[in-house]
């Protein structure tokens, strides 16, 4: 079974999407990993993003069946078929606006090349405890609606959960990541639809009135990154109408697409790499 997104990406100029030495892996709407490109080997992988549309509680309940469903049919590193075996699991905290809980993250290991990958559900981000849709909500409210500080914290969650300092770190991390996310999106869209104008439009007035020029440029670039991510999603949906990502999963889609292009699916930078993803 081959992912429509993977078939779609196979027709792109892959050299424009991935570095040399990287392989192509992808994500099915059902959560399966697609067949990777052969003849190359990825240098390292932090985690493989696997689609999961339901709630955290549903993930905890359906964990065993989900792991079997998303286990790679081919190794995303060496291309070996049916060589991935379950390699234990670890627990990590997941935070919402009102509660926190622990979930299990499964590891798989290739019997041929010996590389171990973590199967990360798409509602999580590498090295981040809060849900990715919640992080997206905070970033969108700041960049699109102009909410900042305590007002933004109150709109995201009650009782300073997450804390304003945490939200501020998300915003700055995404703004810094936009320095390389935006050019990557431009190259990806150009390879996908060469005749499409990559104009995200005029930034909102609240971003143009930021006095500090470096801050204004950083947040404008982050806003443009969101718009190009929406354009990429729309372009893929035109070719794959059954794409299963919701509106609050735009960043999850972007992370999965980066994984499909052979990139580490990280959207927030910097990150502490001393813990499991």
Protein backbone atom coordinates (compact mmCIF):
# COMPACT_ATOMS: atom_id res chain seq x y z
CA UNK A 1 0.00 0.00 0.00
CA UNK A 2 1.56 3.28 -1.12
CA UNK A 3 0.70 6.67 0.33
CA UNK A 4 -0.87 9.08 -2.21
CA UNK A 5 1.30 11.81 -0.71
CA UNK A 6 4.39 9.68 -1.37
CA UNK A 7 3.31 9.02 -4.98
CA UNK A 8 2.74 12.73 -5.35
CA UNK A 9 6.18 13.57 -3.93
CA UNK A 10 7.85 11.02 -6.20
CA UNK A 11 7.03 13.29 -9.14
CA UNK A 12 8.71 16.30 -7.61
CA UNK A 13 12.30 17.32 -8.10
CA UNK A 14 13.49 15.61 -4.94
CA UNK A 15 16.84 17.35 -5.04
CA UNK A 16 14.92 20.57 -4.34
CA UNK A 17 13.18 19.00 -1.37
CA UNK A 18 15.87 17.06 0.43
CA UNK A 19 19.59 17.14 1.08
CA UNK A 20 21.86 14.61 -0.55
CA UNK A 21 22.14 11.52 1.59
CA UNK A 22 18.52 11.74 2.74
CA UNK A 23 15.78 9.31 1.81
CA UNK A 24 12.09 9.81 1.17
CA UNK A 25 9.59 8.59 3.76
CA UNK A 26 6.01 9.69 4.10
CA UNK A 27 2.76 9.48 5.95
CA UNK A 28 -0.53 7.90 5.01
CA UNK A 29 -3.83 9.50 6.03
CA UNK A 30 -4.41 6.20 7.85
CA UNK A 31 -1.08 6.59 9.62
CA UNK A 32 1.13 4.18 7.68
CA UNK A 33 4.59 5.05 6.51
CA UNK A 34 5.08 4.87 2.77
CA UNK A 35 7.80 3.21 0.71
CA UNK A 36 11.02 5.26 0.86
CA UNK A 37 13.23 6.14 -2.05
CA UNK A 38 16.00 3.65 -2.69
CA UNK A 39 19.67 4.09 -3.42
CA UNK A 40 20.38 6.52 -0.59
CA UNK A 41 20.61 6.44 3.16
CA UNK A 42 19.52 9.00 5.73
CA UNK A 43 22.26 10.05 8.12
CA UNK A 44 20.08 10.16 11.22
CA UNK A 45 16.47 10.44 12.36
CA UNK A 46 15.10 11.80 15.60
CA UNK A 47 11.55 10.53 15.13
CA UNK A 48 9.07 9.47 12.48
CA UNK A 49 5.83 11.49 12.59
CA UNK A 50 2.79 9.19 12.29
CA UNK A 51 -0.72 10.52 11.76
CA UNK A 52 -3.26 10.22 14.57
CA UNK A 53 -6.46 12.26 14.29
CA UNK A 54 -8.26 11.53 17.55
CA UNK A 55 -7.68 12.68 21.14
CA UNK A 56 -4.86 11.82 23.50
CA UNK A 57 -7.17 9.51 25.45
CA UNK A 58 -8.06 7.70 22.25
CA UNK A 59 -4.36 7.32 21.50
CA UNK A 60 -3.76 5.77 24.89
CA UNK A 61 -6.65 3.37 24.37
CA UNK A 62 -5.76 2.40 20.80
CA UNK A 63 -1.98 2.46 21.29
CA UNK A 64 -1.27 -1.23 20.59
CA UNK A 65 -3.37 -1.37 17.40
CA UNK A 66 -2.02 1.99 16.22
CA UNK A 67 1.60 0.85 16.60
CA UNK A 68 0.96 -2.20 14.43
CA UNK A 69 -0.76 -0.01 11.83
CA UNK A 70 2.02 2.57 11.54
CA UNK A 71 5.05 0.29 11.81
CA UNK A 72 7.11 0.91 8.64
CA UNK A 73 6.78 -1.72 5.93
CA UNK A 74 10.20 -0.63 4.72
CA UNK A 75 13.07 0.84 6.69
CA UNK A 76 13.28 4.59 5.96
CA UNK A 77 17.09 4.33 6.16
CA UNK A 78 18.24 1.26 4.22
CA UNK A 79 15.04 0.38 2.36
CA UNK A 80 14.83 -3.14 3.74
CA UNK A 81 11.38 -4.68 3.43
CA UNK A 82 9.60 -6.00 6.53
CA UNK A 83 12.73 -5.55 8.64
CA UNK A 84 11.34 -3.19 11.31
CA UNK A 85 10.74 -4.82 14.67
CA UNK A 86 9.28 -3.35 17.84
CA UNK A 87 12.11 -2.15 20.07
CA UNK A 88 10.48 -1.19 23.34
CA UNK A 89 8.80 2.04 24.31
CA UNK A 90 9.19 4.98 26.67
CA UNK A 91 6.78 7.32 28.41
CA UNK A 92 6.60 11.07 27.98
CA UNK A 93 4.39 13.77 29.41
CA UNK A 94 1.70 15.46 27.31
CA UNK A 95 0.27 18.78 28.50
CA UNK A 96 -3.09 20.33 27.63
CA UNK A 97 -4.57 23.60 28.91
CA UNK A 98 -6.29 21.82 31.80
CA UNK A 99 -4.43 18.59 32.49
CA UNK A 100 -1.36 16.51 31.84
CA UNK A 101 -0.90 12.79 31.27
CA UNK A 102 1.70 10.29 30.17
CA UNK A 103 1.64 8.47 26.85
CA UNK A 104 3.78 5.69 25.49
CA UNK A 105 6.01 6.27 22.48
CA UNK A 106 6.97 3.13 20.59
CA UNK A 107 10.40 2.52 19.09
CA UNK A 108 11.15 0.37 16.05
CA UNK A 109 14.51 -0.99 14.95
CA UNK A 110 15.64 -2.22 11.56
CA UNK A 111 17.18 -5.69 11.68
CA UNK A 112 19.45 -4.86 8.73
CA UNK A 113 20.92 -1.43 9.44
CA UNK A 114 20.28 -1.36 13.20
CA UNK A 115 18.81 2.17 13.21
CA UNK A 116 16.15 2.87 15.84
CA UNK A 117 13.27 5.30 15.27
CA UNK A 118 10.57 6.63 17.59
CA UNK A 119 7.01 6.60 16.22
CA UNK A 120 5.71 10.02 17.24
CA UNK A 121 1.96 10.71 16.94
CA UNK A 122 1.22 13.82 14.91
CA UNK A 123 -0.39 15.69 17.80
CA UNK A 124 3.08 15.99 19.39
CA UNK A 125 6.18 17.93 18.41
CA UNK A 126 9.76 16.91 18.98
CA UNK A 127 10.88 17.75 22.53
CA UNK A 128 7.70 19.71 23.33
CA UNK A 129 5.24 18.71 26.04
CA UNK A 130 2.20 20.69 24.94
CA UNK A 131 -0.05 19.46 22.14
CA UNK A 132 0.97 20.69 18.69
CA UNK A 133 -2.56 22.02 17.86
CA UNK A 134 -2.33 24.12 21.02
CA UNK A 135 1.05 25.49 19.95
CA UNK A 136 -0.42 26.26 16.52
CA UNK A 137 -3.33 28.10 18.14
CA UNK A 138 -0.98 30.35 20.10
CA UNK A 139 1.19 31.11 17.06
CA UNK A 140 -1.83 31.85 14.86
CA UNK A 141 -3.48 34.13 17.43
CA UNK A 142 -0.28 36.14 17.78
CA UNK A 143 0.61 36.42 14.09
CA UNK A 144 -2.89 36.69 12.59
CA UNK A 145 -4.89 38.40 15.35
CA UNK A 146 -2.15 40.44 17.01
CA UNK A 147 -2.67 39.06 20.52
CA UNK A 148 0.34 39.27 22.82
CA UNK A 149 1.29 38.83 26.46
CA UNK A 150 -1.41 38.13 29.02
CA UNK A 151 -4.18 38.65 26.48
CA UNK A 152 -2.72 35.88 24.30
CA UNK A 153 -2.22 33.60 27.31
CA UNK A 154 -5.87 34.05 28.34
CA UNK A 155 -7.03 33.25 24.81
CA UNK A 156 -4.91 30.10 24.60
CA UNK A 157 -5.73 28.56 27.97
CA UNK A 158 -7.10 29.35 31.44
CA UNK A 159 -5.06 30.07 34.56
CA UNK A 160 -1.76 30.68 32.73
CA UNK A 161 -1.65 27.16 31.36
CA UNK A 162 0.51 27.37 29.35
CA UNK A 163 2.43 30.19 30.99
CA UNK A 164 2.96 33.44 29.05
CA UNK A 165 6.72 32.79 29.07
CA UNK A 166 6.14 29.39 27.45
CA UNK A 167 3.96 30.91 24.73
CA UNK A 168 6.52 33.63 24.14
CA UNK A 169 9.20 30.95 23.67
CA UNK A 170 7.00 29.15 21.13
CA UNK A 171 6.58 32.34 19.13
CA UNK A 172 10.26 33.17 19.06
CA UNK A 173 11.21 29.56 18.29
CA UNK A 174 8.85 29.51 15.33
CA UNK A 175 10.08 32.93 14.19
CA UNK A 176 13.68 31.69 14.25
CA UNK A 177 12.68 28.49 12.46
CA UNK A 178 11.01 30.56 9.74
CA UNK A 179 14.48 31.62 8.57
CA UNK A 180 14.95 28.16 7.05
CA UNK A 181 11.32 26.99 6.88
CA UNK A 182 10.29 29.81 4.54
CA UNK A 183 12.99 29.14 1.89
CA UNK A 184 12.26 25.41 2.10
CA UNK A 185 8.55 26.05 1.52
CA UNK A 186 9.36 28.31 -1.42
CA UNK A 187 11.53 25.64 -3.03
CA UNK A 188 8.93 22.94 -2.35
CA UNK A 189 6.06 24.96 -3.84
CA UNK A 190 8.18 25.98 -6.83
CA UNK A 191 8.96 22.32 -7.53
CA UNK A 192 5.31 21.39 -7.07
CA UNK A 193 3.65 24.18 -9.05
CA UNK A 194 6.27 26.15 -11.01
CA UNK A 195 3.72 28.59 -12.46
CA UNK A 196 2.14 29.54 -9.14
CA UNK A 197 3.00 32.95 -7.69
CA UNK A 198 4.48 32.53 -4.22
CA UNK A 199 3.14 35.79 -2.86
CA UNK A 200 1.72 35.35 0.66
CA UNK A 201 0.23 38.84 0.54
CA UNK A 202 0.70 41.88 2.73
CA UNK A 203 1.43 41.24 6.39
CA UNK A 204 -1.22 42.40 8.91
CA UNK A 205 -1.01 45.98 10.17
CA UNK A 206 -0.12 44.93 13.72
CA UNK A 207 3.06 43.29 12.42
CA UNK A 208 4.02 46.26 10.26
CA UNK A 209 3.80 48.62 13.22
CA UNK A 210 6.36 46.73 15.33
CA UNK A 211 9.07 49.31 16.02
CA UNK A 212 12.09 47.02 16.34
CA UNK A 213 13.11 46.22 12.73
CA UNK A 214 14.60 42.82 13.57
CA UNK A 215 11.52 41.80 15.53
CA UNK A 216 9.25 43.10 12.75
CA UNK A 217 11.16 41.14 10.10
CA UNK A 218 11.19 37.95 12.20
CA UNK A 219 7.45 37.92 12.89
CA UNK A 220 6.60 38.94 9.32
CA UNK A 221 8.69 36.03 8.06
CA UNK A 222 6.87 33.71 10.49
CA UNK A 223 3.51 34.98 9.22
CA UNK A 224 4.63 34.36 5.62
CA UNK A 225 5.65 30.82 6.61
CA UNK A 226 2.12 30.08 7.82
CA UNK A 227 0.64 31.41 4.59
CA UNK A 228 2.97 29.32 2.40
CA UNK A 229 2.23 26.27 4.55
CA UNK A 230 -1.46 26.80 3.79
CA UNK A 231 -0.63 27.12 0.08
CA UNK A 232 1.31 23.84 0.22
CA UNK A 233 -1.57 22.12 1.96
CA UNK A 234 -4.02 23.41 -0.66
CA UNK A 235 -1.74 22.23 -3.46
CA UNK A 236 -1.51 18.74 -1.99
CA UNK A 237 -5.27 18.60 -1.36
CA UNK A 238 -5.92 19.32 -5.03
CA UNK A 239 -3.97 16.17 -5.87
CA UNK A 240 -5.06 14.15 -2.85
CA UNK A 241 -8.65 15.02 -1.87
CA UNK A 242 -8.66 12.42 0.93
CA UNK A 243 -5.87 14.13 2.85
CA UNK A 244 -6.89 13.72 6.47
CA UNK A 245 -5.46 16.78 8.22
CA UNK A 246 -7.80 19.24 9.97
CA UNK A 247 -7.46 23.03 10.14
CA UNK A 248 -5.86 22.85 13.59
CA UNK A 249 -3.32 20.35 12.25
CA UNK A 250 -1.54 22.64 9.77
CA UNK A 251 1.73 22.38 11.68
CA UNK A 252 1.29 18.61 11.94
CA UNK A 253 0.89 18.49 8.16
CA UNK A 254 3.99 20.65 7.74
CA UNK A 255 6.02 18.38 10.02
CA UNK A 256 4.83 15.29 8.14
CA UNK A 257 5.70 16.89 4.80
CA UNK A 258 9.20 17.69 6.01
CA UNK A 259 9.55 14.06 7.04
CA UNK A 260 8.35 13.01 3.59
CA UNK A 261 11.06 15.18 2.05
CA UNK A 262 13.78 13.53 4.11
CA UNK A 263 14.08 16.31 6.69
CA UNK A 264 13.84 16.06 10.46
CA UNK A 265 10.22 17.08 11.21
CA UNK A 266 11.03 19.98 13.52
CA UNK A 267 9.23 23.31 13.36
CA UNK A 268 10.37 24.99 16.56
CA UNK A 269 13.96 25.93 17.20
CA UNK A 270 16.01 25.80 19.38
CA UNK A 271 15.22 22.51 21.04
CA UNK A 272 16.78 20.65 23.94
CA UNK A 273 18.08 17.37 22.50
CA UNK A 274 18.98 15.83 25.86
CA UNK A 275 15.58 14.14 26.18
CA UNK A 276 13.66 11.63 24.12
CA UNK A 277 11.52 13.14 21.35
